[in-house]
Amino acid sequence: MFSNSFTIRLIIFLLLINIFCYSQKYTIVEVDSLNHKLVGNGKIESAVDVNLKALKYFKSESNKEGIASVLIHMASIMSNYNKYQESNGYLDQAKKELGGINNPLLEAKLLTVYGINNSLVGLYKQGNQTFDKVIKLTKKISDQKEKDDLLYYSYGWKWYNFETLNEVDSLYSMQSKSMKLSPRPLVSLKIADRFLMQNKHLDSAEYYLNKAVILNKKNDIYIKATTLLKFGDLYALKNENEKALSYYLKSLEISKKVKVFRDIRSVYLEISNVYTAMNNPKKAKEYQELYTALDEEIKRNDKKTLQNIVDKLIQEKENEEKEKKNKLYIFIALILTAFSLIFYFVRKNYLKKQKESTEIIEEKVLETDTLKRKLDTSFDKLVKLARNRDPFFLKSFKKLYPEFYDKLISINPDLTDNEIKLCAYLKLKLNTKEITQYENITARTIETKKYRLKKKLGLTSEENLIKWLSEL
């Protein structure tokens, strides 16, 4: 048998290992603050890293509320990238963690993301019903700031849903409720934007833009850039193009400074439109080209960022498996050291644990495969767009198959949108009957289009167009 001093040293060593592994500590408030800061600045990958580390810590502490909070943040990130199934998956996990726990704040945050997901997939009425539950829960929340934030999101999204449903009276009701909360510049900007989109009551639009300037007491640089952009829209509608250009350029300067590339992209397009109105085709073309280049880069980066996030999640699952195996081996080593006289029972337990570990690994591998399959729902959505003759079909196809589109254009830059759309249909394995239904043309017309397309792509009459496109 080992001496008492050796046993004590071994226990201390294992405790030090445990302390080292979980030296990074988190609180729910800290995780909330980090997520708001990182996501607000567009640092999505950093936010995911923080959430994964916090999730590991909260699990080690068996902190169900902490676990639920992190899962809700992950759900929100997935929602931002249009991965609503994955987002709802995280929300379902968070809901299980909160089972039996009375925490109105976390429950309201959970329902808020559910409501946003419903709204973004077109379930506007269901979204509003969910936000009604959030509004009811806010009555139980004592923190006024948290309460106001949840009401702000609920009223804002109900406003969006009623606007989409063209329920004008309800829309204005949400607008009124939003304005009764602590004044926020974004509310004023949203009201102004509504007037600008309708191209009416431009004086009212200008009033709310000026109000947004006044409310931006913290001189939030993002609010300032957006306000300048909307002032540019206002003067563009008034045909005061020089003034509009001045505001757009100021907005562009700020957006470039803080590297908000989506805002930069929007401003490029508006500047191009203003130069067109000013009969300056050279400048209009210059900014149109800048817009196009940045638009393509943003789409590529979005795809890359999303893939990085998915890779990290998969890697995290694999790391969890390694960690479980390591803990199992340490446990076995301790059992063998402390209870060497009952080796037979320890070995029996070891084999049992090994079997359980293998089953867990197989289960996690299956979950990983399921995650990958879920991320491929974009293909089904694309076919649905084609079936519905949605005008955004071609744009969505280019986003999903950027390499295919780039190769196609490099072969013949003179391909028309209709020809590219035909290539897209064939790439998606749609048959002639389906294409005739979607395009409302005859099968003979399709064959004629295929023949002309082969000639423009430099294919011989013997080559199979569908096979060639599928291998491109």
Protein backbone atom coordinates (compact mmCIF):
# COMPACT_ATOMS: atom_id res chain seq x y z
CA MET A 1 0.00 0.00 0.00
CA PHE A 2 1.06 3.61 -0.63
CA SER A 3 1.98 5.87 2.26
CA ASN A 4 -0.42 8.53 3.51
CA SER A 5 1.94 11.31 2.38
CA PHE A 6 2.00 9.97 -1.18
CA THR A 7 -1.79 9.76 -1.26
CA ILE A 8 -2.11 13.35 -0.03
CA ARG A 9 0.36 14.61 -2.65
CA LEU A 10 -1.56 12.74 -5.38
CA ILE A 11 -4.86 14.32 -4.31
CA ILE A 12 -3.31 17.79 -4.23
CA PHE A 13 -1.85 17.22 -7.71
CA LEU A 14 -5.25 16.24 -9.11
CA LEU A 15 -6.89 19.25 -7.45
CA LEU A 16 -4.30 21.56 -9.03
CA ILE A 17 -5.03 20.04 -12.43
CA ASN A 18 -8.73 20.68 -11.91
CA ILE A 19 -8.10 24.30 -10.82
CA PHE A 20 -5.85 24.89 -13.84
CA CYS A 21 -8.42 23.51 -16.27
CA TYR A 22 -11.12 25.85 -14.99
CA SER A 23 -9.07 28.89 -14.02
CA GLN A 24 -11.16 31.11 -16.34
CA LYS A 25 -14.32 32.08 -14.45
CA TYR A 26 -17.42 33.80 -15.84
CA THR A 27 -20.64 35.34 -14.61
CA ILE A 28 -23.85 35.63 -16.62
CA VAL A 29 -23.58 39.43 -16.58
CA GLU A 30 -20.00 39.30 -17.92
CA VAL A 31 -20.97 36.89 -20.71
CA ASP A 32 -23.93 39.14 -21.66
CA SER A 33 -21.65 42.18 -21.78
CA LEU A 34 -18.99 40.42 -23.88
CA ASN A 35 -21.59 39.15 -26.35
CA HIS A 36 -23.18 42.59 -26.79
CA LYS A 37 -19.77 44.15 -27.34
CA LEU A 38 -18.31 41.50 -29.69
CA VAL A 39 -21.45 40.85 -31.74
CA GLY A 40 -22.14 44.59 -31.94
CA ASN A 41 -18.67 45.09 -33.42
CA GLY A 42 -19.10 42.22 -35.85
CA LYS A 43 -16.57 39.96 -34.08
CA ILE A 44 -18.73 36.85 -34.34
CA GLU A 45 -15.93 34.29 -34.11
CA SER A 46 -14.62 35.91 -30.92
CA ALA A 47 -18.13 35.84 -29.48
CA VAL A 48 -18.41 32.12 -30.26
CA ASP A 49 -15.04 31.50 -28.55
CA VAL A 50 -16.22 33.33 -25.41
CA ASN A 51 -19.49 31.41 -25.38
CA LEU A 52 -17.81 28.02 -25.74
CA LYS A 53 -15.38 28.77 -22.90
CA ALA A 54 -18.18 30.12 -20.70
CA LEU A 55 -20.32 27.06 -21.51
CA LYS A 56 -17.52 24.75 -20.37
CA TYR A 57 -17.10 26.75 -17.16
CA PHE A 58 -20.83 26.83 -16.34
CA LYS A 59 -21.06 23.09 -16.98
CA SER A 60 -18.18 22.47 -14.59
CA GLU A 61 -20.08 24.49 -11.98
CA SER A 62 -23.42 22.78 -12.80
CA ASN A 63 -24.81 26.29 -13.30
CA LYS A 64 -27.97 25.64 -15.30
CA GLU A 65 -28.86 29.32 -15.61
CA GLY A 66 -25.36 30.10 -16.90
CA ILE A 67 -25.59 27.23 -19.40
CA ALA A 68 -29.00 28.45 -20.59
CA SER A 69 -27.72 32.02 -20.95
CA VAL A 70 -24.82 30.92 -23.19
CA LEU A 71 -27.10 28.70 -25.29
CA ILE A 72 -29.43 31.66 -25.86
CA HIS A 73 -26.48 33.76 -27.07
CA MET A 74 -25.44 30.95 -29.45
CA ALA A 75 -29.02 30.76 -30.71
CA SER A 76 -28.99 34.50 -31.39
CA ILE A 77 -25.71 34.23 -33.34
CA MET A 78 -27.07 31.39 -35.47
CA SER A 79 -30.23 33.41 -36.10
CA ASN A 80 -28.10 36.32 -37.38
CA TYR A 81 -26.70 33.94 -40.01
CA ASN A 82 -30.13 32.69 -41.06
CA LYS A 83 -29.55 29.26 -39.46
CA TYR A 84 -32.91 29.12 -37.80
CA GLN A 85 -33.06 25.34 -37.28
CA GLU A 86 -29.72 25.38 -35.48
CA SER A 87 -30.81 28.46 -33.54
CA ASN A 88 -33.99 26.75 -32.38
CA GLY A 89 -31.92 23.70 -31.46
CA TYR A 90 -29.87 25.79 -29.03
CA LEU A 91 -33.07 27.36 -27.69
CA ASP A 92 -34.57 23.91 -27.10
CA GLN A 93 -31.47 22.93 -25.10
CA ALA A 94 -31.69 26.16 -23.09
CA LYS A 95 -35.36 25.50 -22.40
CA LYS A 96 -34.47 22.09 -20.95
CA GLU A 97 -31.80 23.63 -18.72
CA LEU A 98 -34.35 26.14 -17.38
CA GLY A 99 -36.92 23.44 -16.63
CA GLY A 100 -38.18 23.93 -13.09
CA ILE A 101 -36.19 27.18 -12.62
CA ASN A 102 -38.08 30.42 -12.02
CA ASN A 103 -36.08 33.02 -13.96
CA PRO A 104 -38.39 35.42 -15.88
CA LEU A 105 -35.41 37.31 -17.39
CA LEU A 106 -33.82 34.28 -19.04
CA GLU A 107 -37.22 32.93 -20.08
CA ALA A 108 -38.04 36.27 -21.73
CA LYS A 109 -34.68 36.34 -23.54
CA LEU A 110 -35.29 32.76 -24.70
CA LEU A 111 -38.74 33.64 -26.07
CA THR A 112 -37.35 36.79 -27.72
CA VAL A 113 -35.02 34.76 -29.95
CA TYR A 114 -37.83 32.27 -30.66
CA GLY A 115 -39.99 35.24 -31.71
CA ILE A 116 -37.25 36.70 -33.92
CA ASN A 117 -36.77 33.33 -35.66
CA ASN A 118 -40.50 32.99 -36.26
CA SER A 119 -40.64 36.49 -37.71
CA LEU A 120 -37.64 35.98 -40.01
CA VAL A 121 -39.04 32.78 -41.53
CA GLY A 122 -42.37 34.46 -42.26
CA LEU A 123 -44.39 33.25 -39.25
CA TYR A 124 -45.38 36.80 -38.39
CA LYS A 125 -48.49 36.05 -36.34
CA GLN A 126 -46.74 33.32 -34.35
CA GLY A 127 -43.87 35.74 -33.81
CA ASN A 128 -46.24 38.34 -32.42
CA GLN A 129 -47.84 35.77 -30.10
CA THR A 130 -44.38 34.92 -28.76
CA PHE A 131 -43.53 38.59 -28.21
CA ASP A 132 -46.82 39.00 -26.33
CA LYS A 133 -45.54 36.35 -23.88
CA VAL A 134 -42.27 38.28 -23.54
CA ILE A 135 -44.18 41.50 -22.78
CA LYS A 136 -46.17 39.66 -20.12
CA LEU A 137 -42.98 38.26 -18.54
CA THR A 138 -41.40 41.73 -18.29
CA LYS A 139 -43.89 42.52 -15.51
CA LYS A 140 -41.95 40.06 -13.33
CA ILE A 141 -38.52 41.56 -14.11
CA SER A 142 -37.17 44.05 -11.57
CA ASP A 143 -34.12 45.29 -13.53
CA GLN A 144 -35.53 48.32 -15.38
CA LYS A 145 -32.82 48.36 -18.07
CA GLU A 146 -33.30 44.68 -18.90
CA LYS A 147 -37.06 45.21 -18.87
CA ASP A 148 -36.85 48.20 -21.25
CA ASP A 149 -34.51 46.33 -23.60
CA LEU A 150 -36.90 43.37 -23.86
CA LEU A 151 -39.90 45.66 -24.41
CA TYR A 152 -37.91 47.58 -27.03
CA TYR A 153 -37.14 44.37 -28.96
CA SER A 154 -40.72 43.09 -28.61
CA TYR A 155 -42.36 46.32 -29.78
CA GLY A 156 -39.77 46.73 -32.54
CA TRP A 157 -40.27 43.25 -33.96
CA LYS A 158 -44.07 43.45 -33.67
CA TRP A 159 -43.75 46.75 -35.52
CA TYR A 160 -41.81 44.93 -38.27
CA ASN A 161 -44.36 42.09 -38.40
CA PHE A 162 -47.38 44.39 -38.57
CA GLU A 163 -45.63 46.42 -41.30
CA THR A 164 -45.07 43.23 -43.31
CA LEU A 165 -48.68 42.14 -42.74
CA ASN A 166 -49.80 45.66 -43.76
CA GLU A 167 -51.74 46.05 -40.50
CA VAL A 168 -51.26 49.80 -40.30
CA ASP A 169 -53.22 50.51 -37.12
CA SER A 170 -51.33 47.86 -35.16
CA LEU A 171 -48.07 49.13 -36.65
CA TYR A 172 -48.67 52.63 -35.33
CA SER A 173 -49.67 51.19 -31.96
CA MET A 174 -46.24 49.53 -31.66
CA GLN A 175 -44.59 52.73 -32.84
CA SER A 176 -46.40 54.65 -30.10
CA LYS A 177 -45.39 52.13 -27.41
CA SER A 178 -41.77 52.21 -28.57
CA MET A 179 -41.73 55.97 -28.24
CA LYS A 180 -43.05 55.79 -24.66
CA LEU A 181 -39.94 53.91 -23.56
CA SER A 182 -36.78 55.80 -22.71
CA PRO A 183 -36.06 57.77 -25.93
CA ARG A 184 -33.75 55.89 -28.32
CA PRO A 185 -32.21 57.27 -31.51
CA LEU A 186 -32.91 54.03 -33.40
CA VAL A 187 -36.67 54.45 -32.90
CA SER A 188 -36.50 57.94 -34.41
CA LEU A 189 -34.38 56.62 -37.28
CA LYS A 190 -36.90 53.85 -37.93
CA ILE A 191 -39.79 56.31 -38.05
CA ALA A 192 -37.82 58.59 -40.37
CA ASP A 193 -36.90 55.66 -42.58
CA ARG A 194 -40.58 54.73 -42.95
CA PHE A 195 -41.36 58.20 -44.28
CA LEU A 196 -38.35 58.03 -46.62
CA MET A 197 -39.36 54.63 -47.98
CA GLN A 198 -42.83 55.99 -48.72
CA ASN A 199 -41.34 59.19 -50.17
CA LYS A 200 -43.87 61.33 -48.33
CA HIS A 201 -43.99 63.65 -45.32
CA LEU A 202 -40.33 64.43 -45.85
CA ASP A 203 -40.57 67.26 -43.34
CA SER A 204 -41.56 64.71 -40.70
CA ALA A 205 -38.68 62.48 -41.80
CA GLU A 206 -36.30 65.40 -41.31
CA TYR A 207 -37.80 66.10 -37.88
CA TYR A 208 -37.15 62.55 -36.67
CA LEU A 209 -33.65 62.54 -38.14
CA ASN A 210 -32.85 65.70 -36.19
CA LYS A 211 -34.39 64.07 -33.12
CA ALA A 212 -32.09 61.05 -33.58
CA VAL A 213 -29.12 63.43 -33.61
CA ILE A 214 -30.25 64.96 -30.32
CA LEU A 215 -30.93 61.56 -28.69
CA ASN A 216 -27.50 60.26 -29.65
CA LYS A 217 -26.04 61.75 -26.47
CA LYS A 218 -23.32 59.13 -26.23
CA ASN A 219 -22.25 60.10 -29.75
CA ASP A 220 -22.50 56.46 -30.81
CA ILE A 221 -20.46 56.38 -34.00
CA TYR A 222 -22.68 53.71 -35.61
CA ILE A 223 -25.82 55.75 -34.95
CA LYS A 224 -24.07 58.81 -36.34
CA ALA A 225 -23.10 57.00 -39.56
CA THR A 226 -26.66 55.71 -40.03
CA THR A 227 -28.15 59.15 -39.35
CA LEU A 228 -25.89 60.76 -41.97
CA LEU A 229 -26.87 58.04 -44.43
CA LYS A 230 -30.57 58.73 -43.87
CA PHE A 231 -30.01 62.47 -44.26
CA GLY A 232 -28.42 61.64 -47.61
CA ASP A 233 -31.53 59.63 -48.56
CA LEU A 234 -33.70 62.59 -47.54
CA TYR A 235 -31.90 65.09 -49.76
CA ALA A 236 -31.68 62.61 -52.61
CA LEU A 237 -35.48 62.35 -52.54
CA LYS A 238 -35.64 66.16 -52.54
CA ASN A 239 -33.35 66.17 -55.62
CA GLU A 240 -30.80 68.20 -53.66
CA ASN A 241 -28.06 65.96 -54.97
CA GLU A 242 -25.05 68.02 -53.89
CA LYS A 243 -26.31 68.04 -50.32
CA ALA A 244 -27.15 64.33 -50.45
CA LEU A 245 -23.66 63.55 -51.74
CA SER A 246 -22.11 65.53 -48.89
CA TYR A 247 -23.99 63.50 -46.25
CA TYR A 248 -23.24 60.21 -47.99
CA LEU A 249 -19.52 60.99 -48.09
CA LYS A 250 -19.52 61.88 -44.37
CA SER A 251 -21.33 58.65 -43.57
CA LEU A 252 -18.86 56.75 -45.73
CA GLU A 253 -15.91 58.31 -43.90
CA ILE A 254 -17.21 57.14 -40.51
CA SER A 255 -18.16 53.68 -41.75
CA LYS A 256 -14.69 53.22 -43.21
CA LYS A 257 -13.12 54.36 -39.95
CA VAL A 258 -14.97 51.75 -37.88
CA LYS A 259 -14.86 49.20 -40.74
CA VAL A 260 -18.60 48.56 -40.89
CA PHE A 261 -18.43 47.01 -44.33
CA ARG A 262 -22.18 46.46 -44.73
CA ASP A 263 -22.80 50.17 -44.20
CA ILE A 264 -19.93 51.00 -46.57
CA ARG A 265 -21.58 48.81 -49.19
CA SER A 266 -24.93 50.62 -48.77
CA VAL A 267 -23.32 54.04 -49.04
CA TYR A 268 -21.39 53.07 -52.19
CA LEU A 269 -24.68 52.21 -53.90
CA GLU A 270 -26.38 55.43 -52.82
CA ILE A 271 -23.41 57.53 -53.97
CA SER A 272 -23.51 55.79 -57.34
CA ASN A 273 -27.23 56.62 -57.64
CA VAL A 274 -26.61 60.27 -56.75
CA TYR A 275 -23.85 60.61 -59.34
CA THR A 276 -26.22 59.08 -61.91
CA ALA A 277 -28.81 61.73 -61.01
CA MET A 278 -26.07 64.38 -61.36
CA ASN A 279 -25.28 63.13 -64.89
CA ASN A 280 -21.80 62.03 -63.88
CA PRO A 281 -21.60 58.50 -65.37
CA LYS A 282 -17.85 58.17 -64.69
CA LYS A 283 -18.25 58.62 -60.94
CA ALA A 284 -21.46 56.60 -60.90
CA LYS A 285 -19.65 53.68 -62.53
CA GLU A 286 -16.71 54.03 -60.13
CA TYR A 287 -18.89 53.68 -57.04
CA GLN A 288 -21.05 51.00 -58.63
CA GLU A 289 -17.90 48.95 -59.17
CA LEU A 290 -16.82 49.57 -55.57
CA TYR A 291 -20.26 48.45 -54.41
CA THR A 292 -20.17 45.29 -56.53
CA ALA A 293 -16.67 44.34 -55.40
CA LEU A 294 -17.47 44.87 -51.72
CA ASP A 295 -20.81 43.09 -52.03
CA GLU A 296 -19.08 39.99 -53.41
CA GLU A 297 -16.38 40.16 -50.72
CA ILE A 298 -18.95 40.43 -47.92
CA LYS A 299 -20.81 37.41 -49.26
CA ARG A 300 -17.58 35.40 -49.42
CA ASN A 301 -16.62 36.47 -45.90
CA ASP A 302 -20.07 35.63 -44.55
CA LYS A 303 -19.77 32.14 -45.96
CA LYS A 304 -16.24 31.75 -44.60
CA THR A 305 -17.22 33.09 -41.16
CA LEU A 306 -20.18 30.76 -40.95
CA GLN A 307 -18.00 27.79 -41.91
CA ASN A 308 -15.44 28.76 -39.26
CA ILE A 309 -18.19 28.87 -36.65
CA VAL A 310 -19.45 25.44 -37.67
CA ASP A 311 -15.91 24.03 -37.66
CA LYS A 312 -15.37 25.37 -34.14
CA LEU A 313 -18.58 23.82 -32.91
CA ILE A 314 -17.61 20.47 -34.40
CA GLN A 315 -14.10 20.76 -32.94
CA GLU A 316 -15.59 21.58 -29.56
CA LYS A 317 -17.65 18.40 -29.65
CA GLU A 318 -14.53 16.41 -30.48
CA ASN A 319 -12.64 18.10 -27.63
CA GLU A 320 -15.45 17.20 -25.24
CA GLU A 321 -15.04 13.57 -26.22
CA LYS A 322 -11.29 13.70 -25.57
CA GLU A 323 -11.92 15.39 -22.24
CA LYS A 324 -14.42 12.73 -21.22
CA LYS A 325 -11.97 9.97 -22.13
CA ASN A 326 -9.16 11.68 -20.18
CA LYS A 327 -11.37 12.04 -17.13
CA LEU A 328 -12.30 8.39 -17.44
CA TYR A 329 -8.63 7.32 -17.55
CA ILE A 330 -7.83 9.48 -14.49
CA PHE A 331 -10.75 7.97 -12.64
CA ILE A 332 -9.57 4.45 -13.49
CA ALA A 333 -6.00 5.28 -12.41
CA LEU A 334 -7.26 6.55 -9.05
CA ILE A 335 -9.39 3.47 -8.55
CA LEU A 336 -6.47 1.18 -9.39
CA THR A 337 -4.18 3.09 -6.98
CA ALA A 338 -6.60 3.28 -4.07
CA PHE A 339 -8.25 -0.10 -4.47
CA SER A 340 -5.55 -2.38 -5.89
CA LEU A 341 -6.87 -5.32 -3.80
CA ILE A 342 -10.16 -5.33 -5.70
CA PHE A 343 -8.57 -5.29 -9.19
CA TYR A 344 -11.20 -7.61 -10.64
CA PHE A 345 -14.05 -5.20 -9.84
CA VAL A 346 -12.09 -2.18 -11.04
CA ARG A 347 -11.36 -3.92 -14.36
CA LYS A 348 -15.03 -4.87 -14.73
CA ASN A 349 -16.02 -1.25 -14.13
CA TYR A 350 -13.36 -0.09 -16.61
CA LEU A 351 -14.75 -2.30 -19.40
CA LYS A 352 -18.23 -1.04 -18.64
CA LYS A 353 -17.07 2.59 -18.79
CA GLN A 354 -15.20 1.93 -22.05
CA LYS A 355 -18.37 0.59 -23.60
CA GLU A 356 -20.32 3.64 -22.43
CA SER A 357 -17.61 5.95 -23.75
CA THR A 358 -17.73 4.29 -27.18
CA GLU A 359 -21.51 4.67 -27.29
CA ILE A 360 -21.19 8.35 -26.35
CA ILE A 361 -18.59 8.87 -29.09
CA GLU A 362 -20.85 7.22 -31.66
CA GLU A 363 -23.74 9.37 -30.48
CA LYS A 364 -21.67 12.58 -30.72
CA VAL A 365 -20.40 11.64 -34.18
CA LEU A 366 -24.03 11.16 -35.22
CA GLU A 367 -24.89 14.58 -33.76
CA THR A 368 -21.99 16.11 -35.71
CA ASP A 369 -23.22 14.53 -38.95
CA THR A 370 -26.72 15.77 -38.17
CA LEU A 371 -25.39 19.31 -37.66
CA LYS A 372 -23.65 19.20 -41.04
CA ARG A 373 -26.83 17.98 -42.71
CA LYS A 374 -28.86 20.75 -41.07
CA LEU A 375 -26.48 23.38 -42.42
CA ASP A 376 -27.27 22.15 -45.92
CA THR A 377 -30.92 23.22 -45.84
CA SER A 378 -29.99 26.12 -48.12
CA PHE A 379 -30.23 23.72 -51.10
CA ASP A 380 -33.87 22.91 -50.33
CA LYS A 381 -34.64 26.61 -49.85
CA LEU A 382 -33.07 27.35 -53.24
CA VAL A 383 -35.25 24.78 -55.02
CA LYS A 384 -38.27 26.25 -53.26
CA LEU A 385 -37.35 29.73 -54.55
CA ALA A 386 -37.14 28.32 -58.09
CA ARG A 387 -40.50 26.60 -57.71
CA ASN A 388 -42.12 29.83 -56.51
CA ARG A 389 -40.50 31.85 -59.33
CA ASP A 390 -39.00 34.07 -56.63
CA PRO A 391 -37.07 37.06 -58.09
CA PHE A 392 -34.34 36.46 -55.51
CA PHE A 393 -33.66 32.93 -56.81
CA LEU A 394 -30.68 33.87 -58.97
CA LYS A 395 -29.15 36.06 -56.25
CA SER A 396 -29.52 33.24 -53.72
CA PHE A 397 -28.02 30.73 -56.16
CA LYS A 398 -24.95 32.92 -56.71
CA LYS A 399 -24.52 33.18 -52.94
CA LEU A 400 -24.76 29.39 -52.45
CA TYR A 401 -22.58 28.47 -55.46
CA PRO A 402 -20.14 31.38 -55.83
CA GLU A 403 -17.35 29.22 -57.32
CA PHE A 404 -19.70 27.74 -59.93
CA TYR A 405 -20.94 31.20 -60.90
CA ASP A 406 -17.42 32.65 -61.11
CA LYS A 407 -16.21 29.78 -63.35
CA LEU A 408 -19.26 30.12 -65.57
CA ILE A 409 -18.71 33.86 -66.05
CA SER A 410 -14.98 33.35 -66.65
CA ILE A 411 -15.80 31.01 -69.54
CA ASN A 412 -18.18 33.51 -71.13
CA PRO A 413 -18.72 36.90 -69.47
CA ASP A 414 -21.51 37.67 -71.96
CA LEU A 415 -23.94 35.13 -70.51
CA THR A 416 -27.33 36.72 -69.80
CA ASP A 417 -29.21 36.36 -66.53
CA ASN A 418 -31.71 34.03 -68.22
CA GLU A 419 -28.86 31.82 -69.46
CA ILE A 420 -27.26 31.78 -66.02
CA LYS A 421 -30.67 30.92 -64.53
CA LEU A 422 -30.96 27.95 -66.95
CA CYS A 423 -27.49 26.80 -65.87
CA ALA A 424 -28.65 27.09 -62.26
CA TYR A 425 -31.73 24.95 -62.94
CA LEU A 426 -29.60 22.28 -64.60
CA LYS A 427 -27.02 22.45 -61.79
CA LEU A 428 -29.86 21.78 -59.32
CA LYS A 429 -30.85 18.68 -61.39
CA LEU A 430 -34.23 20.11 -62.36
CA ASN A 431 -35.77 18.22 -65.28
CA THR A 432 -37.33 19.73 -68.40
CA LYS A 433 -40.87 19.33 -67.05
CA GLU A 434 -40.01 21.27 -63.88
CA ILE A 435 -38.27 24.04 -65.83
CA THR A 436 -41.26 24.44 -68.16
CA GLN A 437 -43.49 24.90 -65.12
CA TYR A 438 -41.17 27.37 -63.38
CA GLU A 439 -40.46 29.47 -66.52
CA ASN A 440 -43.86 28.99 -68.24
CA ILE A 441 -42.26 27.99 -71.55
CA THR A 442 -42.44 24.92 -73.77
CA ALA A 443 -40.07 21.96 -73.71
CA ARG A 444 -39.02 22.82 -77.27
CA THR A 445 -38.04 26.32 -76.19
CA ILE A 446 -35.89 24.83 -73.43
CA GLU A 447 -34.08 22.56 -75.87
CA THR A 448 -33.42 25.56 -78.12
CA LYS A 449 -32.03 27.49 -75.15
CA LYS A 450 -29.81 24.52 -74.22
CA TYR A 451 -28.46 24.35 -77.79
CA ARG A 452 -27.60 28.07 -77.82
CA LEU A 453 -26.10 27.81 -74.33
CA LYS A 454 -23.80 24.96 -75.42
CA LYS A 455 -22.52 27.08 -78.27
CA LYS A 456 -21.82 30.04 -75.98
CA LEU A 457 -19.99 27.75 -73.55
CA GLY A 458 -17.89 26.26 -76.35
CA LEU A 459 -19.29 22.72 -76.02
CA THR A 460 -19.54 20.31 -78.93
CA SER A 461 -22.86 18.80 -79.93
CA GLU A 462 -21.73 15.43 -78.52
CA GLU A 463 -20.97 16.79 -75.03
CA ASN A 464 -23.63 16.45 -72.33
CA LEU A 465 -24.52 19.92 -71.03
CA ILE A 466 -26.01 18.70 -67.73
CA LYS A 467 -23.00 16.49 -66.95
CA TRP A 468 -20.61 19.31 -67.88
CA LEU A 469 -22.40 21.77 -65.55
CA SER A 470 -22.51 19.28 -62.67
CA GLU A 471 -18.73 18.79 -62.94
CA LEU A 472 -17.93 22.50 -63.25
